[in-house]
Amino acid sequence: MTEGLEPNATGIVIINYGLQVLIEGLNGIYCGNHYRCYKRANVPSLVAGDHVIWRNANPFGVVVARQTRSSKLARLDIGGKTKSVAANVSQLFIVIACLPLPITNLIDRYIVAAEAEHISVTFVANKMDLVKHKNSVQLQAVINEYMRIGYPVIRSSVKTALGINLIKNNLRNKTSLFVGQSGVGKSSLLNLIEPTANSRTAPLSIANEKGAHTTTVSRLFRVSSGGNLIDSPGTHTFSLAHLDSRQLIEGFKDFHPFLGKCKFRDCLHDEQSGCAISEATKKNLVSARRFKNYHQIKDELKIK
């Protein structure tokens, strides 16, 4: 039972345990310390990165309010409800590797979700020590495709520490989120960036070249060199069914130069004659793979 509530204080959510959240105090005598808290029933759901007003007590504190979010990365859960993955994120790091090979449909879903919240996107091409792997050519093709659109790419390796300092520099003074497929090495990267994280890792399955889920819920880490880094669970799916048609097409910024140039004002941007985006794919001005991914997501959203 929580008794003797102290005055209001500010904090940031480190992790949501379900019935309780772990927060870090941001002011006064609480600054830098961690506290387990319940939340009042009228407080909206909390995720890593949320800024809160809370009150300390023995043995557990109480979150009394969630402060306004500057951004959130969200997806649709299996119950059909919108679920936030992280809050107040300013940049998204999409971690990819040659093992397992990138799922570009998943990548494009991450990008659309980020663009909808005006979150900047950077790719981390990990495991670059595997340059002689049979998948390296396919990985490079994916890297080239997104670099051409304008997304920066940092090449990294946990074995050689390639790119680690560059990632650290990009983390300073920001709250960043790591996303990616299971097995791409997010947890290993996190442990190298911030050794105190002690994030659990697991070997890649040789049989199917897929990784195990070593992170089960998003957690915020304070990076000693500066900034906050939120590690999210690895996944092979990411539903965007909570978004609308405008948010979807705006998430494909390589389509933007061709919007408004279709023959018909009500163009559905499919294979019909007169679609400027479809014509652009034939001229290699827009990735045919990205256009296909757009349609797969569009069909999921049931957009007409």
C-alpha atoms as a PDB file:
ATOM      1  CA  MET A   1       0.000   0.000   0.000  1.00  0.00           C
ATOM      2  CA  THR A   2       1.314   3.442  -0.929  1.00  0.00           C
ATOM      3  CA  GLU A   3       1.232   6.003   1.896  1.00  0.00           C
ATOM      4  CA  GLY A   4       2.502   9.516   2.598  1.00  0.00           C
ATOM      5  CA  LEU A   5       2.586  11.024  -0.881  1.00  0.00           C
ATOM      6  CA  GLU A   6       5.296  13.646  -1.311  1.00  0.00           C
ATOM      7  CA  PRO A   7       4.981  16.835  -3.462  1.00  0.00           C
ATOM      8  CA  ASN A   8       4.734  16.673  -7.260  1.00  0.00           C
ATOM      9  CA  ALA A   9       7.954  15.983  -9.159  1.00  0.00           C
ATOM     10  CA  THR A  10       8.869  15.416 -12.810  1.00  0.00           C
ATOM     11  CA  GLY A  11      10.172  12.198 -14.296  1.00  0.00           C
ATOM     12  CA  ILE A  12      10.700  10.184 -17.462  1.00  0.00           C
ATOM     13  CA  VAL A  13       9.400   6.652 -18.033  1.00  0.00           C
ATOM     14  CA  ILE A  14      12.186   4.097 -18.398  1.00  0.00           C
ATOM     15  CA  ILE A  15      10.014   1.014 -18.895  1.00  0.00           C
ATOM     16  CA  ASN A  16       6.390  -0.049 -18.492  1.00  0.00           C
ATOM     17  CA  TYR A  17       6.034  -3.291 -16.515  1.00  0.00           C
ATOM     18  CA  GLY A  18       2.260  -3.474 -16.922  1.00  0.00           C
ATOM     19  CA  LEU A  19       0.794  -2.660 -13.530  1.00  0.00           C
ATOM     20  CA  GLN A  20       3.788  -0.486 -12.676  1.00  0.00           C
ATOM     21  CA  VAL A  21       6.242   1.763 -14.493  1.00  0.00           C
ATOM     22  CA  LEU A  22       9.869   2.490 -13.704  1.00  0.00           C
ATOM     23  CA  ILE A  23      10.627   6.188 -13.860  1.00  0.00           C
ATOM     24  CA  GLU A  24      13.743   8.300 -13.452  1.00  0.00           C
ATOM     25  CA  GLY A  25      13.385  11.457 -11.416  1.00  0.00           C
ATOM     26  CA  LEU A  26      14.277  14.625 -13.285  1.00  0.00           C
ATOM     27  CA  ASN A  27      14.326  17.245 -10.560  1.00  0.00           C
ATOM     28  CA  GLY A  28      15.348  17.956  -6.971  1.00  0.00           C
ATOM     29  CA  ILE A  29      16.379  15.142  -4.665  1.00  0.00           C
ATOM     30  CA  TYR A  30      14.935  12.577  -7.081  1.00  0.00           C
ATOM     31  CA  CYS A  31      17.117  13.542 -10.049  1.00  0.00           C
ATOM     32  CA  GLY A  32      18.887  10.544 -11.595  1.00  0.00           C
ATOM     33  CA  ASN A  33      17.274   7.970  -9.301  1.00  0.00           C
ATOM     34  CA  HIS A  34      14.829   5.261 -10.350  1.00  0.00           C
ATOM     35  CA  TYR A  35      11.435   4.658  -8.762  1.00  0.00           C
ATOM     36  CA  ARG A  36       8.675   2.115  -9.288  1.00  0.00           C
ATOM     37  CA  CYS A  37       5.284   3.747  -9.576  1.00  0.00           C
ATOM     38  CA  TYR A  38       1.655   2.933 -10.092  1.00  0.00           C
ATOM     39  CA  LYS A  39      -0.395   5.325 -12.199  1.00  0.00           C
ATOM     40  CA  ARG A  40      -3.720   6.866 -11.385  1.00  0.00           C
ATOM     41  CA  ALA A  41      -6.667   5.467 -13.336  1.00  0.00           C
ATOM     42  CA  ASN A  42      -7.216   8.739 -15.201  1.00  0.00           C
ATOM     43  CA  VAL A  43      -3.636   8.829 -16.529  1.00  0.00           C
ATOM     44  CA  PRO A  44      -3.340   7.656 -20.177  1.00  0.00           C
ATOM     45  CA  SER A  45      -1.136   4.693 -21.061  1.00  0.00           C
ATOM     46  CA  LEU A  46       2.599   5.182 -20.556  1.00  0.00           C
ATOM     47  CA  VAL A  47       5.582   4.035 -22.619  1.00  0.00           C
ATOM     48  CA  ALA A  48       9.334   4.547 -22.555  1.00  0.00           C
ATOM     49  CA  GLY A  49      10.134   8.206 -23.158  1.00  0.00           C
ATOM     50  CA  ASP A  50       6.961   9.638 -21.639  1.00  0.00           C
ATOM     51  CA  HIS A  51       7.435  12.671 -19.385  1.00  0.00           C
ATOM     52  CA  VAL A  52       5.276  12.499 -16.275  1.00  0.00           C
ATOM     53  CA  ILE A  53       4.289  14.265 -13.081  1.00  0.00           C
ATOM     54  CA  TRP A  54       4.614  11.887 -10.156  1.00  0.00           C
ATOM     55  CA  ARG A  55       4.649  11.788  -6.377  1.00  0.00           C
ATOM     56  CA  ASN A  56       7.022   9.691  -4.325  1.00  0.00           C
ATOM     57  CA  ALA A  57       5.772   7.440  -1.527  1.00  0.00           C
ATOM     58  CA  ASN A  58       6.720   4.289   0.357  1.00  0.00           C
ATOM     59  CA  PRO A  59       7.037   1.693  -1.105  1.00  0.00           C
ATOM     60  CA  PHE A  60       5.776   2.850  -4.524  1.00  0.00           C
ATOM     61  CA  GLY A  61       5.244   6.264  -6.060  1.00  0.00           C
ATOM     62  CA  VAL A  62       2.231   7.372  -8.078  1.00  0.00           C
ATOM     63  CA  VAL A  63       2.135   8.916 -11.557  1.00  0.00           C
ATOM     64  CA  VAL A  64      -0.525  11.627 -11.431  1.00  0.00           C
ATOM     65  CA  ALA A  65      -0.252  13.027 -14.981  1.00  0.00           C
ATOM     66  CA  ARG A  66       1.312  12.396 -18.375  1.00  0.00           C
ATOM     67  CA  GLN A  67       2.783  15.488 -19.980  1.00  0.00           C
ATOM     68  CA  THR A  68       2.042  16.390 -23.605  1.00  0.00           C
ATOM     69  CA  ARG A  69       3.960  14.233 -26.074  1.00  0.00           C
ATOM     70  CA  SER A  70       6.029  15.868 -28.807  1.00  0.00           C
ATOM     71  CA  SER A  71       5.808  12.646 -30.831  1.00  0.00           C
ATOM     72  CA  LYS A  72       5.025   8.973 -30.583  1.00  0.00           C
ATOM     73  CA  LEU A  73       5.784   5.920 -32.683  1.00  0.00           C
ATOM     74  CA  ALA A  74       2.682   3.752 -32.784  1.00  0.00           C
ATOM     75  CA  ARG A  75       1.364   0.598 -34.405  1.00  0.00           C
ATOM     76  CA  LEU A  76      -1.813  -1.448 -34.300  1.00  0.00           C
ATOM     77  CA  ASP A  77      -1.748  -4.364 -31.836  1.00  0.00           C
ATOM     78  CA  ILE A  78      -3.312  -7.794 -32.360  1.00  0.00           C
ATOM     79  CA  GLY A  79      -6.494  -6.569 -30.675  1.00  0.00           C
ATOM     80  CA  GLY A  80      -6.921  -3.806 -33.240  1.00  0.00           C
ATOM     81  CA  LYS A  81      -5.996  -1.005 -30.849  1.00  0.00           C
ATOM     82  CA  THR A  82      -3.377   1.669 -31.465  1.00  0.00           C
ATOM     83  CA  LYS A  83      -0.359   0.935 -29.274  1.00  0.00           C
ATOM     84  CA  SER A  84       2.460   3.407 -28.711  1.00  0.00           C
ATOM     85  CA  VAL A  85       5.958   1.915 -28.882  1.00  0.00           C
ATOM     86  CA  ALA A  86       7.848   4.967 -27.571  1.00  0.00           C
ATOM     87  CA  ALA A  87       7.179   8.646 -26.878  1.00  0.00           C
ATOM     88  CA  ASN A  88       8.946  11.983 -27.384  1.00  0.00           C
ATOM     89  CA  VAL A  89      11.299  10.467 -29.954  1.00  0.00           C
ATOM     90  CA  SER A  90      13.214  12.856 -32.217  1.00  0.00           C
ATOM     91  CA  GLN A  91      14.992  10.300 -34.409  1.00  0.00           C
ATOM     92  CA  LEU A  92      14.501   6.717 -35.494  1.00  0.00           C
ATOM     93  CA  PHE A  93      17.385   4.336 -36.174  1.00  0.00           C
ATOM     94  CA  ILE A  94      16.345   1.457 -38.440  1.00  0.00           C
ATOM     95  CA  VAL A  95      18.899  -1.306 -37.901  1.00  0.00           C
ATOM     96  CA  ILE A  96      19.412  -3.672 -40.848  1.00  0.00           C
ATOM     97  CA  ALA A  97      21.974  -6.373 -41.665  1.00  0.00           C
ATOM     98  CA  CYS A  98      22.833  -9.011 -44.241  1.00  0.00           C
ATOM     99  CA  LEU A  99      21.759 -11.610 -41.672  1.00  0.00           C
ATOM    100  CA  PRO A 100      18.800 -11.648 -41.590  1.00  0.00           C
ATOM    101  CA  LEU A 101      18.179  -9.964 -44.926  1.00  0.00           C
ATOM    102  CA  PRO A 102      16.109  -6.764 -44.685  1.00  0.00           C
ATOM    103  CA  ILE A 103      12.350  -7.009 -45.119  1.00  0.00           C
ATOM    104  CA  THR A 104      11.744  -3.820 -47.099  1.00  0.00           C
ATOM    105  CA  ASN A 105       8.001  -3.889 -46.463  1.00  0.00           C
ATOM    106  CA  LEU A 106       8.749  -3.694 -42.729  1.00  0.00           C
ATOM    107  CA  ILE A 107      11.301  -0.925 -43.319  1.00  0.00           C
ATOM    108  CA  ASP A 108       8.769   1.138 -45.254  1.00  0.00           C
ATOM    109  CA  ARG A 109       6.241   0.690 -42.455  1.00  0.00           C
ATOM    110  CA  TYR A 110       8.737   2.066 -39.946  1.00  0.00           C
ATOM    111  CA  ILE A 111       9.425   5.012 -42.234  1.00  0.00           C
ATOM    112  CA  VAL A 112       5.737   5.815 -42.761  1.00  0.00           C
ATOM    113  CA  ALA A 113       5.119   5.708 -38.994  1.00  0.00           C
ATOM    114  CA  ALA A 114       8.100   8.013 -38.390  1.00  0.00           C
ATOM    115  CA  GLU A 115       7.226  10.472 -41.168  1.00  0.00           C
ATOM    116  CA  ALA A 116       3.674  10.754 -39.785  1.00  0.00           C
ATOM    117  CA  GLU A 117       5.180  12.081 -36.534  1.00  0.00           C
ATOM    118  CA  HIS A 118       7.952  14.152 -38.170  1.00  0.00           C
ATOM    119  CA  ILE A 119      10.614  11.869 -36.686  1.00  0.00           C
ATOM    120  CA  SER A 120      13.888  11.835 -38.634  1.00  0.00           C
ATOM    121  CA  VAL A 121      15.074   8.465 -39.957  1.00  0.00           C
ATOM    122  CA  THR A 122      18.630   7.101 -40.101  1.00  0.00           C
ATOM    123  CA  PHE A 123      19.663   3.603 -41.154  1.00  0.00           C
ATOM    124  CA  VAL A 124      22.274   1.579 -39.296  1.00  0.00           C
ATOM    125  CA  ALA A 125      23.688  -1.114 -41.585  1.00  0.00           C
ATOM    126  CA  ASN A 126      25.071  -3.503 -38.978  1.00  0.00           C
ATOM    127  CA  LYS A 127      27.323  -6.577 -39.225  1.00  0.00           C
ATOM    128  CA  MET A 128      29.452  -4.927 -41.907  1.00  0.00           C
ATOM    129  CA  ASP A 129      32.252  -7.329 -40.957  1.00  0.00           C
ATOM    130  CA  LEU A 130      30.283  -9.911 -42.975  1.00  0.00           C
ATOM    131  CA  VAL A 131      31.177  -8.214 -46.267  1.00  0.00           C
ATOM    132  CA  LYS A 132      31.888 -11.558 -47.936  1.00  0.00           C
ATOM    133  CA  HIS A 133      28.553 -13.090 -46.965  1.00  0.00           C
ATOM    134  CA  LYS A 134      26.331 -14.230 -49.843  1.00  0.00           C
ATOM    135  CA  ASN A 135      23.673 -11.686 -48.808  1.00  0.00           C
ATOM    136  CA  SER A 136      25.985  -8.659 -48.863  1.00  0.00           C
ATOM    137  CA  VAL A 137      25.129  -7.715 -52.466  1.00  0.00           C
ATOM    138  CA  GLN A 138      21.405  -7.722 -51.670  1.00  0.00           C
ATOM    139  CA  LEU A 139      22.024  -5.658 -48.534  1.00  0.00           C
ATOM    140  CA  GLN A 140      23.993  -3.093 -50.528  1.00  0.00           C
ATOM    141  CA  ALA A 141      21.130  -2.807 -53.022  1.00  0.00           C
ATOM    142  CA  VAL A 142      18.763  -1.975 -50.150  1.00  0.00           C
ATOM    143  CA  ILE A 143      21.243   0.555 -48.735  1.00  0.00           C
ATOM    144  CA  ASN A 144      21.602   2.231 -52.138  1.00  0.00           C
ATOM    145  CA  GLU A 145      17.835   2.422 -52.569  1.00  0.00           C
ATOM    146  CA  TYR A 146      17.257   4.321 -49.329  1.00  0.00           C
ATOM    147  CA  MET A 147      20.329   6.506 -49.690  1.00  0.00           C
ATOM    148  CA  ARG A 148      19.016   7.599 -53.095  1.00  0.00           C
ATOM    149  CA  ILE A 149      15.801   8.752 -51.425  1.00  0.00           C
ATOM    150  CA  GLY A 150      17.844  10.802 -48.967  1.00  0.00           C
ATOM    151  CA  TYR A 151      17.994   8.693 -45.807  1.00  0.00           C
ATOM    152  CA  PRO A 152      21.461   8.674 -44.191  1.00  0.00           C
ATOM    153  CA  VAL A 153      23.149   5.323 -43.544  1.00  0.00           C
ATOM    154  CA  ILE A 154      25.707   4.541 -40.836  1.00  0.00           C
ATOM    155  CA  ARG A 155      27.702   1.364 -41.416  1.00  0.00           C
ATOM    156  CA  SER A 156      28.476  -0.477 -38.194  1.00  0.00           C
ATOM    157  CA  SER A 157      30.008  -3.613 -36.747  1.00  0.00           C
ATOM    158  CA  VAL A 158      29.988  -4.803 -33.154  1.00  0.00           C
ATOM    159  CA  LYS A 159      33.070  -6.955 -33.827  1.00  0.00           C
ATOM    160  CA  THR A 160      35.217  -4.078 -35.126  1.00  0.00           C
ATOM    161  CA  ALA A 161      33.394  -1.137 -33.439  1.00  0.00           C
ATOM    162  CA  LEU A 162      32.907   0.400 -36.895  1.00  0.00           C
ATOM    163  CA  GLY A 163      30.468   3.316 -36.759  1.00  0.00           C
ATOM    164  CA  ILE A 164      29.928   3.230 -32.982  1.00  0.00           C
ATOM    165  CA  ASN A 165      31.367   6.697 -32.355  1.00  0.00           C
ATOM    166  CA  LEU A 166      29.306   8.097 -35.236  1.00  0.00           C
ATOM    167  CA  ILE A 167      26.138   6.619 -33.721  1.00  0.00           C
ATOM    168  CA  LYS A 168      27.064   8.105 -30.329  1.00  0.00           C
ATOM    169  CA  ASN A 169      27.555  11.522 -31.917  1.00  0.00           C
ATOM    170  CA  ASN A 170      24.097  11.286 -33.482  1.00  0.00           C
ATOM    171  CA  LEU A 171      22.550  10.334 -30.132  1.00  0.00           C
ATOM    172  CA  ARG A 172      23.706  13.418 -28.241  1.00  0.00           C
ATOM    173  CA  ASN A 173      20.975  15.767 -26.965  1.00  0.00           C
ATOM    174  CA  LYS A 174      18.231  13.632 -28.533  1.00  0.00           C
ATOM    175  CA  THR A 175      15.850  10.831 -27.653  1.00  0.00           C
ATOM    176  CA  SER A 176      16.335   8.103 -30.248  1.00  0.00           C
ATOM    177  CA  LEU A 177      14.628   4.788 -30.918  1.00  0.00           C
ATOM    178  CA  PHE A 178      16.209   1.579 -32.216  1.00  0.00           C
ATOM    179  CA  VAL A 179      13.906  -0.574 -34.378  1.00  0.00           C
ATOM    180  CA  GLY A 180      14.538  -3.529 -36.649  1.00  0.00           C
ATOM    181  CA  GLN A 181      13.985  -7.195 -37.316  1.00  0.00           C
ATOM    182  CA  SER A 182      14.895  -9.746 -34.691  1.00  0.00           C
ATOM    183  CA  GLY A 183      18.515 -10.801 -35.093  1.00  0.00           C
ATOM    184  CA  VAL A 184      19.966  -7.662 -36.710  1.00  0.00           C
ATOM    185  CA  GLY A 185      22.063  -6.943 -33.608  1.00  0.00           C
ATOM    186  CA  LYS A 186      20.224  -4.080 -31.907  1.00  0.00           C
ATOM    187  CA  SER A 187      20.951  -5.370 -28.397  1.00  0.00           C
ATOM    188  CA  SER A 188      24.627  -5.986 -29.205  1.00  0.00           C
ATOM    189  CA  LEU A 189      24.918  -2.455 -30.594  1.00  0.00           C
ATOM    190  CA  LEU A 190      23.246  -1.062 -27.492  1.00  0.00           C
ATOM    191  CA  ASN A 191      25.692  -2.886 -25.208  1.00  0.00           C
ATOM    192  CA  LEU A 192      28.622  -1.402 -27.124  1.00  0.00           C
ATOM    193  CA  ILE A 193      27.141   2.108 -27.168  1.00  0.00           C
ATOM    194  CA  GLU A 194      26.246   1.958 -23.469  1.00  0.00           C
ATOM    195  CA  PRO A 195      28.023  -0.896 -21.606  1.00  0.00           C
ATOM    196  CA  THR A 196      25.867  -0.415 -18.489  1.00  0.00           C
ATOM    197  CA  ALA A 197      22.786  -1.441 -20.490  1.00  0.00           C
ATOM    198  CA  ASN A 198      23.516  -5.182 -20.157  1.00  0.00           C
ATOM    199  CA  SER A 199      20.923  -5.896 -22.832  1.00  0.00           C
ATOM    200  CA  ARG A 200      20.385  -9.605 -23.420  1.00  0.00           C
ATOM    201  CA  THR A 201      21.513 -11.033 -26.769  1.00  0.00           C
ATOM    202  CA  ALA A 202      20.847 -14.313 -28.555  1.00  0.00           C
ATOM    203  CA  PRO A 203      22.543 -16.110 -31.480  1.00  0.00           C
ATOM    204  CA  LEU A 204      20.958 -16.095 -34.921  1.00  0.00           C
ATOM    205  CA  SER A 205      19.249 -19.297 -36.038  1.00  0.00           C
ATOM    206  CA  ILE A 206      21.360 -20.855 -38.775  1.00  0.00           C
ATOM    207  CA  ALA A 207      18.374 -22.806 -40.099  1.00  0.00           C
ATOM    208  CA  ASN A 208      16.180 -19.858 -40.993  1.00  0.00           C
ATOM    209  CA  GLU A 209      18.538 -16.888 -40.574  1.00  0.00           C
ATOM    210  CA  LYS A 210      16.094 -15.289 -38.135  1.00  0.00           C
ATOM    211  CA  GLY A 211      16.789 -13.904 -34.704  1.00  0.00           C
ATOM    212  CA  ALA A 212      15.140 -14.506 -31.354  1.00  0.00           C
ATOM    213  CA  HIS A 213      13.234 -11.784 -29.505  1.00  0.00           C
ATOM    214  CA  THR A 214      15.679 -10.780 -26.749  1.00  0.00           C
ATOM    215  CA  THR A 215      13.915  -7.472 -26.048  1.00  0.00           C
ATOM    216  CA  THR A 216      10.262  -7.919 -25.086  1.00  0.00           C
ATOM    217  CA  VAL A 217       9.244  -4.347 -24.227  1.00  0.00           C
ATOM    218  CA  SER A 218      10.628  -0.913 -25.100  1.00  0.00           C
ATOM    219  CA  ARG A 219      13.128   0.430 -22.557  1.00  0.00           C
ATOM    220  CA  LEU A 220      14.906   3.773 -22.327  1.00  0.00           C
ATOM    221  CA  PHE A 221      18.625   3.918 -21.593  1.00  0.00           C
ATOM    222  CA  ARG A 222      20.604   6.987 -20.632  1.00  0.00           C
ATOM    223  CA  VAL A 223      23.712   7.076 -22.834  1.00  0.00           C
ATOM    224  CA  SER A 224      26.750   8.206 -20.837  1.00  0.00           C
ATOM    225  CA  SER A 225      28.166  10.036 -23.870  1.00  0.00           C
ATOM    226  CA  GLY A 226      24.877  11.959 -24.142  1.00  0.00           C
ATOM    227  CA  GLY A 227      21.263  11.417 -25.148  1.00  0.00           C
ATOM    228  CA  ASN A 228      18.562   8.823 -24.553  1.00  0.00           C
ATOM    229  CA  LEU A 229      18.260   5.582 -26.515  1.00  0.00           C
ATOM    230  CA  ILE A 230      15.095   3.490 -26.489  1.00  0.00           C
ATOM    231  CA  ASP A 231      15.509  -0.145 -27.494  1.00  0.00           C
ATOM    232  CA  SER A 232      12.359  -1.756 -28.889  1.00  0.00           C
ATOM    233  CA  PRO A 233      11.468  -5.432 -29.392  1.00  0.00           C
ATOM    234  CA  GLY A 234      12.584  -6.937 -32.678  1.00  0.00           C
ATOM    235  CA  THR A 235       9.701  -7.756 -34.975  1.00  0.00           C
ATOM    236  CA  HIS A 236       8.784  -9.080 -38.415  1.00  0.00           C
ATOM    237  CA  THR A 237       5.489  -7.160 -38.641  1.00  0.00           C
ATOM    238  CA  PHE A 238       4.358  -3.588 -37.929  1.00  0.00           C
ATOM    239  CA  SER A 239       0.724  -2.709 -38.611  1.00  0.00           C
ATOM    240  CA  LEU A 240      -0.163   0.815 -39.770  1.00  0.00           C
ATOM    241  CA  ALA A 241      -3.927   0.331 -39.932  1.00  0.00           C
ATOM    242  CA  HIS A 242      -4.426   3.332 -37.624  1.00  0.00           C
ATOM    243  CA  LEU A 243      -3.147   5.726 -40.325  1.00  0.00           C
ATOM    244  CA  ASP A 244      -5.098   7.312 -43.187  1.00  0.00           C
ATOM    245  CA  SER A 245      -4.386   7.608 -46.929  1.00  0.00           C
ATOM    246  CA  ARG A 246      -2.746  11.036 -46.616  1.00  0.00           C
ATOM    247  CA  GLN A 247      -0.349   9.867 -43.897  1.00  0.00           C
ATOM    248  CA  LEU A 248       0.481   6.764 -45.921  1.00  0.00           C
ATOM    249  CA  ILE A 249       1.447   8.481 -49.160  1.00  0.00           C
ATOM    250  CA  GLU A 250       3.253  11.296 -47.320  1.00  0.00           C
ATOM    251  CA  GLY A 251       5.400   8.585 -45.750  1.00  0.00           C
ATOM    252  CA  PHE A 252       6.785   7.760 -49.211  1.00  0.00           C
ATOM    253  CA  LYS A 253       8.657  10.993 -49.821  1.00  0.00           C
ATOM    254  CA  ASP A 254      10.148   9.758 -53.107  1.00  0.00           C
ATOM    255  CA  PHE A 255       6.557   9.825 -54.460  1.00  0.00           C
ATOM    256  CA  HIS A 256       6.106  13.512 -53.616  1.00  0.00           C
ATOM    257  CA  PRO A 257       7.529  15.004 -56.871  1.00  0.00           C
ATOM    258  CA  PHE A 258       4.888  13.087 -58.853  1.00  0.00           C
ATOM    259  CA  LEU A 259       1.821  13.850 -56.743  1.00  0.00           C
ATOM    260  CA  GLY A 260      -0.680  16.040 -58.579  1.00  0.00           C
ATOM    261  CA  LYS A 261       0.746  15.050 -61.963  1.00  0.00           C
ATOM    262  CA  CYS A 262      -1.476  12.057 -62.672  1.00  0.00           C
ATOM    263  CA  LYS A 263      -3.844  12.154 -65.654  1.00  0.00           C
ATOM    264  CA  PHE A 264      -6.888  11.804 -63.393  1.00  0.00           C
ATOM    265  CA  ARG A 265      -7.462  13.863 -60.264  1.00  0.00           C
ATOM    266  CA  ASP A 266      -8.894  10.852 -58.416  1.00  0.00           C
ATOM    267  CA  CYS A 267      -5.985   8.586 -59.390  1.00  0.00           C
ATOM    268  CA  LEU A 268      -5.636   5.601 -57.055  1.00  0.00           C
ATOM    269  CA  HIS A 269      -1.880   5.427 -57.764  1.00  0.00           C
ATOM    270  CA  ASP A 270      -1.985   1.878 -59.021  1.00  0.00           C
ATOM    271  CA  GLU A 271      -1.144   0.350 -62.375  1.00  0.00           C
ATOM    272  CA  GLN A 272      -3.814   2.314 -64.239  1.00  0.00           C
ATOM    273  CA  SER A 273      -2.831   4.369 -67.249  1.00  0.00           C
ATOM    274  CA  GLY A 274      -1.954   7.946 -66.453  1.00  0.00           C
ATOM    275  CA  CYS A 275      -0.603   7.412 -62.940  1.00  0.00           C
ATOM    276  CA  ALA A 276       2.517   9.571 -62.649  1.00  0.00           C
ATOM    277  CA  ILE A 277       4.023   7.431 -59.873  1.00  0.00           C
ATOM    278  CA  SER A 278       3.495   4.233 -61.852  1.00  0.00           C
ATOM    279  CA  GLU A 279       5.149   5.847 -64.872  1.00  0.00           C
ATOM    280  CA  ALA A 280       8.038   6.982 -62.652  1.00  0.00           C
ATOM    281  CA  THR A 281       8.726   3.380 -61.619  1.00  0.00           C
ATOM    282  CA  LYS A 282       9.100   2.428 -65.295  1.00  0.00           C
ATOM    283  CA  LYS A 283      11.727   5.157 -65.685  1.00  0.00           C
ATOM    284  CA  ASN A 284      13.520   4.033 -62.496  1.00  0.00           C
ATOM    285  CA  LEU A 285      12.723   7.384 -60.859  1.00  0.00           C
ATOM    286  CA  VAL A 286      10.803   5.598 -58.114  1.00  0.00           C
ATOM    287  CA  SER A 287      11.640   2.184 -56.684  1.00  0.00           C
ATOM    288  CA  ALA A 288       9.282  -0.480 -58.039  1.00  0.00           C
ATOM    289  CA  ARG A 289       9.785  -2.380 -54.792  1.00  0.00           C
ATOM    290  CA  ARG A 290       8.703   0.648 -52.746  1.00  0.00           C
ATOM    291  CA  PHE A 291       5.667   1.118 -54.999  1.00  0.00           C
ATOM    292  CA  LYS A 292       4.726  -2.528 -54.407  1.00  0.00           C
ATOM    293  CA  ASN A 293       5.164  -2.083 -50.643  1.00  0.00           C
ATOM    294  CA  TYR A 294       2.949   1.001 -50.778  1.00  0.00           C
ATOM    295  CA  HIS A 295       0.161  -1.037 -52.368  1.00  0.00           C
ATOM    296  CA  GLN A 296       0.496  -3.864 -49.864  1.00  0.00           C
ATOM    297  CA  ILE A 297       0.163  -1.406 -46.968  1.00  0.00           C
ATOM    298  CA  LYS A 298      -2.652   0.442 -48.767  1.00  0.00           C
ATOM    299  CA  ASP A 299      -4.577  -2.813 -49.155  1.00  0.00           C
ATOM    300  CA  GLU A 300      -4.132  -3.500 -45.444  1.00  0.00           C
ATOM    301  CA  LEU A 301      -5.529  -0.057 -44.635  1.00  0.00           C
ATOM    302  CA  LYS A 302      -8.449  -0.788 -47.002  1.00  0.00           C
ATOM    303  CA  ILE A 303      -7.954   2.605 -48.649  1.00  0.00           C
ATOM    304  CA  LYS A 304      -9.926   3.138 -51.846  1.00  0.00           C
END
